[in-house]
Amino acid sequence: MKSILFKVVGKVQEVFFRKTSFEKALEIGIKGWIRNELDGSVCGLAQGSDIQLDLWKAWLDSGPKESEVEYVEYKEIEIDQMDYFEIR
């Protein structure tokens, strides 16, 4: 199980980004969390297998149809395993 921190920059707030990301996380089995940041970005933590994280990154790179993702930053970290995914 790997863990990554991510930050999504662009038009990603007020476009249901967190809600649709939550649904996608449940669909592919990602654990972790997601939240809005004061600077207008969305950040979070995702845990999963290599395949799950590849699917997650592909999702974040495009986001829901209402969003306009400019870029996504990723950083692999070591952290205890989580049992769920939540919107913060």
N, C-alpha and C. Protein backbone atom coordinates (compact mmCIF):
# COMPACT_ATOMS: atom_id res chain seq x y z
N MET A 1 0.85 -1.18 0.00
CA MET A 1 0.00 0.00 0.00
C MET A 1 0.89 1.24 0.00
N LYS A 2 0.67 2.12 -0.97
CA LYS A 2 1.41 3.37 -1.06
C LYS A 2 0.51 4.54 -0.67
N SER A 3 1.14 5.64 -0.27
CA SER A 3 0.42 6.85 0.09
C SER A 3 0.99 8.04 -0.66
N ILE A 4 0.11 8.89 -1.19
CA ILE A 4 0.56 10.11 -1.85
C ILE A 4 -0.25 11.30 -1.34
N LEU A 5 0.43 12.42 -1.20
CA LEU A 5 -0.24 13.69 -1.01
C LEU A 5 -0.43 14.28 -2.40
N PHE A 6 -1.54 14.97 -2.61
CA PHE A 6 -1.78 15.59 -3.91
C PHE A 6 -2.37 16.99 -3.73
N LYS A 7 -2.09 17.84 -4.69
CA LYS A 7 -2.66 19.18 -4.73
C LYS A 7 -3.09 19.45 -6.17
N VAL A 8 -4.38 19.76 -6.35
CA VAL A 8 -4.95 19.99 -7.67
C VAL A 8 -5.20 21.49 -7.81
N VAL A 9 -4.63 22.08 -8.86
CA VAL A 9 -4.73 23.52 -9.08
C VAL A 9 -5.52 23.79 -10.35
N GLY A 10 -6.37 24.80 -10.29
CA GLY A 10 -7.19 25.20 -11.43
C GLY A 10 -8.57 25.59 -10.93
N LYS A 11 -9.55 25.46 -11.79
CA LYS A 11 -10.95 25.70 -11.39
C LYS A 11 -11.46 24.39 -10.80
N VAL A 12 -11.22 24.22 -9.49
CA VAL A 12 -11.52 22.94 -8.85
C VAL A 12 -12.40 23.09 -7.61
N GLN A 13 -12.79 24.31 -7.29
CA GLN A 13 -13.74 24.51 -6.20
C GLN A 13 -15.05 25.01 -6.80
N GLU A 14 -16.16 24.66 -6.13
CA GLU A 14 -17.51 25.00 -6.56
C GLU A 14 -17.89 24.33 -7.89
N VAL A 15 -17.26 23.18 -8.18
CA VAL A 15 -17.58 22.40 -9.38
C VAL A 15 -17.78 20.92 -9.02
N PHE A 16 -18.08 20.65 -7.75
CA PHE A 16 -18.33 19.29 -7.24
C PHE A 16 -17.10 18.40 -7.33
N PHE A 17 -15.91 19.01 -7.29
CA PHE A 17 -14.68 18.23 -7.40
C PHE A 17 -14.54 17.24 -6.24
N ARG A 18 -14.74 17.71 -5.01
CA ARG A 18 -14.59 16.81 -3.86
C ARG A 18 -15.63 15.70 -3.87
N LYS A 19 -16.87 16.05 -4.19
CA LYS A 19 -17.95 15.05 -4.20
C LYS A 19 -17.68 13.96 -5.24
N THR A 20 -17.33 14.36 -6.46
CA THR A 20 -17.09 13.37 -7.49
C THR A 20 -15.80 12.60 -7.24
N SER A 21 -14.82 13.25 -6.62
CA SER A 21 -13.59 12.54 -6.24
C SER A 21 -13.88 11.49 -5.17
N PHE A 22 -14.76 11.83 -4.23
CA PHE A 22 -15.17 10.88 -3.20
C PHE A 22 -15.81 9.65 -3.85
N GLU A 23 -16.70 9.88 -4.80
CA GLU A 23 -17.36 8.77 -5.48
C GLU A 23 -16.35 7.91 -6.25
N LYS A 24 -15.39 8.57 -6.92
CA LYS A 24 -14.36 7.84 -7.67
C LYS A 24 -13.47 7.04 -6.72
N ALA A 25 -13.12 7.63 -5.57
CA ALA A 25 -12.29 6.92 -4.59
C ALA A 25 -12.98 5.64 -4.12
N LEU A 26 -14.27 5.72 -3.84
CA LEU A 26 -15.02 4.54 -3.43
C LEU A 26 -15.05 3.50 -4.55
N GLU A 27 -15.20 3.97 -5.78
CA GLU A 27 -15.28 3.06 -6.93
C GLU A 27 -13.99 2.26 -7.12
N ILE A 28 -12.83 2.91 -6.96
CA ILE A 28 -11.57 2.21 -7.22
C ILE A 28 -10.86 1.74 -5.96
N GLY A 29 -11.44 2.02 -4.78
CA GLY A 29 -10.89 1.50 -3.54
C GLY A 29 -9.80 2.34 -2.90
N ILE A 30 -9.75 3.63 -3.22
CA ILE A 30 -8.77 4.53 -2.61
C ILE A 30 -9.21 4.90 -1.20
N LYS A 31 -8.27 4.95 -0.30
CA LYS A 31 -8.50 5.41 1.07
C LYS A 31 -7.81 6.76 1.24
N GLY A 32 -8.28 7.59 2.17
CA GLY A 32 -7.63 8.86 2.43
C GLY A 32 -8.63 9.97 2.67
N TRP A 33 -8.32 11.16 2.18
CA TRP A 33 -9.18 12.32 2.38
C TRP A 33 -8.93 13.37 1.30
N ILE A 34 -9.88 14.33 1.21
CA ILE A 34 -9.77 15.43 0.26
C ILE A 34 -10.40 16.66 0.90
N ARG A 35 -9.82 17.85 0.61
CA ARG A 35 -10.38 19.09 1.18
C ARG A 35 -10.06 20.28 0.28
N ASN A 36 -10.86 21.34 0.42
CA ASN A 36 -10.60 22.61 -0.25
C ASN A 36 -9.53 23.37 0.52
N GLU A 37 -8.72 24.12 -0.19
CA GLU A 37 -7.70 24.98 0.41
C GLU A 37 -8.09 26.44 0.20
N LEU A 38 -7.58 27.31 1.04
CA LEU A 38 -7.90 28.73 0.95
C LEU A 38 -7.44 29.36 -0.36
N ASP A 39 -6.40 28.81 -0.98
CA ASP A 39 -5.86 29.37 -2.22
C ASP A 39 -6.67 28.95 -3.46
N GLY A 40 -7.78 28.21 -3.27
CA GLY A 40 -8.62 27.78 -4.38
C GLY A 40 -8.29 26.40 -4.92
N SER A 41 -7.25 25.78 -4.41
CA SER A 41 -6.89 24.43 -4.83
C SER A 41 -7.64 23.39 -4.00
N VAL A 42 -7.46 22.14 -4.37
CA VAL A 42 -7.98 21.01 -3.61
C VAL A 42 -6.78 20.12 -3.31
N CYS A 43 -6.67 19.67 -2.05
CA CYS A 43 -5.56 18.80 -1.70
C CYS A 43 -6.08 17.58 -0.96
N GLY A 44 -5.20 16.61 -0.76
CA GLY A 44 -5.61 15.43 -0.04
C GLY A 44 -4.53 14.39 0.06
N LEU A 45 -4.95 13.26 0.57
CA LEU A 45 -4.10 12.10 0.75
C LEU A 45 -4.81 10.91 0.13
N ALA A 46 -4.07 10.12 -0.63
CA ALA A 46 -4.64 8.91 -1.24
C ALA A 46 -3.75 7.72 -0.94
N GLN A 47 -4.37 6.60 -0.58
CA GLN A 47 -3.65 5.35 -0.33
C GLN A 47 -4.26 4.25 -1.18
N GLY A 48 -3.39 3.43 -1.74
CA GLY A 48 -3.86 2.31 -2.54
C GLY A 48 -2.70 1.57 -3.17
N SER A 49 -3.04 0.59 -3.97
CA SER A 49 -2.03 -0.16 -4.72
C SER A 49 -1.52 0.72 -5.87
N ASP A 50 -0.48 0.27 -6.54
CA ASP A 50 0.04 1.02 -7.68
C ASP A 50 -1.04 1.23 -8.74
N ILE A 51 -1.81 0.19 -9.03
CA ILE A 51 -2.86 0.28 -10.04
C ILE A 51 -3.94 1.26 -9.60
N GLN A 52 -4.37 1.16 -8.33
CA GLN A 52 -5.39 2.08 -7.83
C GLN A 52 -4.89 3.52 -7.88
N LEU A 53 -3.65 3.76 -7.49
CA LEU A 53 -3.12 5.12 -7.50
C LEU A 53 -2.95 5.64 -8.92
N ASP A 54 -2.61 4.78 -9.87
CA ASP A 54 -2.55 5.20 -11.27
C ASP A 54 -3.92 5.65 -11.76
N LEU A 55 -4.96 4.89 -11.41
CA LEU A 55 -6.33 5.27 -11.78
C LEU A 55 -6.73 6.58 -11.10
N TRP A 56 -6.35 6.74 -9.85
CA TRP A 56 -6.65 7.96 -9.08
C TRP A 56 -5.98 9.17 -9.71
N LYS A 57 -4.70 9.03 -10.06
CA LYS A 57 -3.97 10.14 -10.68
C LYS A 57 -4.60 10.52 -12.02
N ALA A 58 -5.01 9.54 -12.79
CA ALA A 58 -5.67 9.82 -14.07
C ALA A 58 -6.96 10.60 -13.83
N TRP A 59 -7.69 10.22 -12.78
CA TRP A 59 -8.93 10.95 -12.43
C TRP A 59 -8.60 12.39 -12.05
N LEU A 60 -7.64 12.58 -11.16
CA LEU A 60 -7.30 13.93 -10.71
C LEU A 60 -6.80 14.80 -11.85
N ASP A 61 -6.09 14.23 -12.79
CA ASP A 61 -5.54 15.00 -13.90
C ASP A 61 -6.63 15.62 -14.78
N SER A 62 -7.82 15.04 -14.76
CA SER A 62 -8.91 15.59 -15.57
C SER A 62 -10.05 16.13 -14.71
N GLY A 63 -10.37 15.44 -13.61
CA GLY A 63 -11.45 15.88 -12.73
C GLY A 63 -12.82 15.77 -13.39
N PRO A 64 -13.85 16.27 -12.69
CA PRO A 64 -15.19 16.22 -13.26
C PRO A 64 -15.30 17.21 -14.43
N LYS A 65 -16.31 17.03 -15.25
CA LYS A 65 -16.43 17.82 -16.48
C LYS A 65 -16.54 19.32 -16.22
N GLU A 66 -17.04 19.74 -15.06
CA GLU A 66 -17.18 21.15 -14.75
C GLU A 66 -15.86 21.81 -14.35
N SER A 67 -14.87 21.02 -14.01
CA SER A 67 -13.58 21.55 -13.53
C SER A 67 -12.65 21.86 -14.70
N GLU A 68 -11.61 22.62 -14.39
CA GLU A 68 -10.54 22.92 -15.34
C GLU A 68 -9.22 22.75 -14.60
N VAL A 69 -8.68 21.54 -14.62
CA VAL A 69 -7.44 21.23 -13.92
C VAL A 69 -6.26 21.80 -14.70
N GLU A 70 -5.48 22.67 -14.04
CA GLU A 70 -4.27 23.22 -14.66
C GLU A 70 -3.10 22.26 -14.47
N TYR A 71 -2.91 21.81 -13.24
CA TYR A 71 -1.87 20.82 -12.95
C TYR A 71 -2.12 20.19 -11.60
N VAL A 72 -1.45 19.05 -11.38
CA VAL A 72 -1.55 18.33 -10.11
C VAL A 72 -0.13 18.04 -9.62
N GLU A 73 0.10 18.30 -8.33
CA GLU A 73 1.38 17.97 -7.70
C GLU A 73 1.19 16.71 -6.87
N TYR A 74 2.17 15.82 -6.90
CA TYR A 74 2.12 14.59 -6.13
C TYR A 74 3.40 14.44 -5.31
N LYS A 75 3.24 13.87 -4.12
CA LYS A 75 4.40 13.57 -3.28
C LYS A 75 4.11 12.27 -2.54
N GLU A 76 4.99 11.28 -2.72
CA GLU A 76 4.83 10.01 -2.01
C GLU A 76 5.31 10.19 -0.57
N ILE A 77 4.54 9.64 0.38
CA ILE A 77 4.88 9.76 1.80
C ILE A 77 4.69 8.41 2.48
N GLU A 78 5.22 8.31 3.69
CA GLU A 78 5.01 7.14 4.56
C GLU A 78 4.01 7.56 5.64
N ILE A 79 2.93 6.81 5.79
CA ILE A 79 1.91 7.12 6.79
C ILE A 79 1.15 5.84 7.11
N ASP A 80 0.56 5.78 8.29
CA ASP A 80 -0.24 4.61 8.68
C ASP A 80 -1.41 4.43 7.72
N GLN A 81 -1.81 3.18 7.56
CA GLN A 81 -2.90 2.86 6.66
C GLN A 81 -4.22 3.40 7.19
N MET A 82 -5.02 3.96 6.26
CA MET A 82 -6.35 4.45 6.60
C MET A 82 -7.39 3.41 6.20
N ASP A 83 -8.57 3.50 6.80
CA ASP A 83 -9.62 2.52 6.55
C ASP A 83 -10.78 3.07 5.73
N TYR A 84 -10.72 4.33 5.31
CA TYR A 84 -11.86 4.97 4.66
C TYR A 84 -11.37 6.15 3.83
N PHE A 85 -12.28 6.74 3.06
CA PHE A 85 -12.01 7.98 2.35
C PHE A 85 -13.05 8.98 2.81
N GLU A 86 -12.61 10.22 3.08
CA GLU A 86 -13.55 11.23 3.57
C GLU A 86 -13.31 12.59 2.94
N ILE A 87 -14.37 13.39 2.91
CA ILE A 87 -14.27 14.79 2.52
C ILE A 87 -14.09 15.58 3.81
N ARG A 88 -13.08 16.42 3.83
CA ARG A 88 -12.83 17.25 5.02
C ARG A 88 -13.21 18.68 4.75
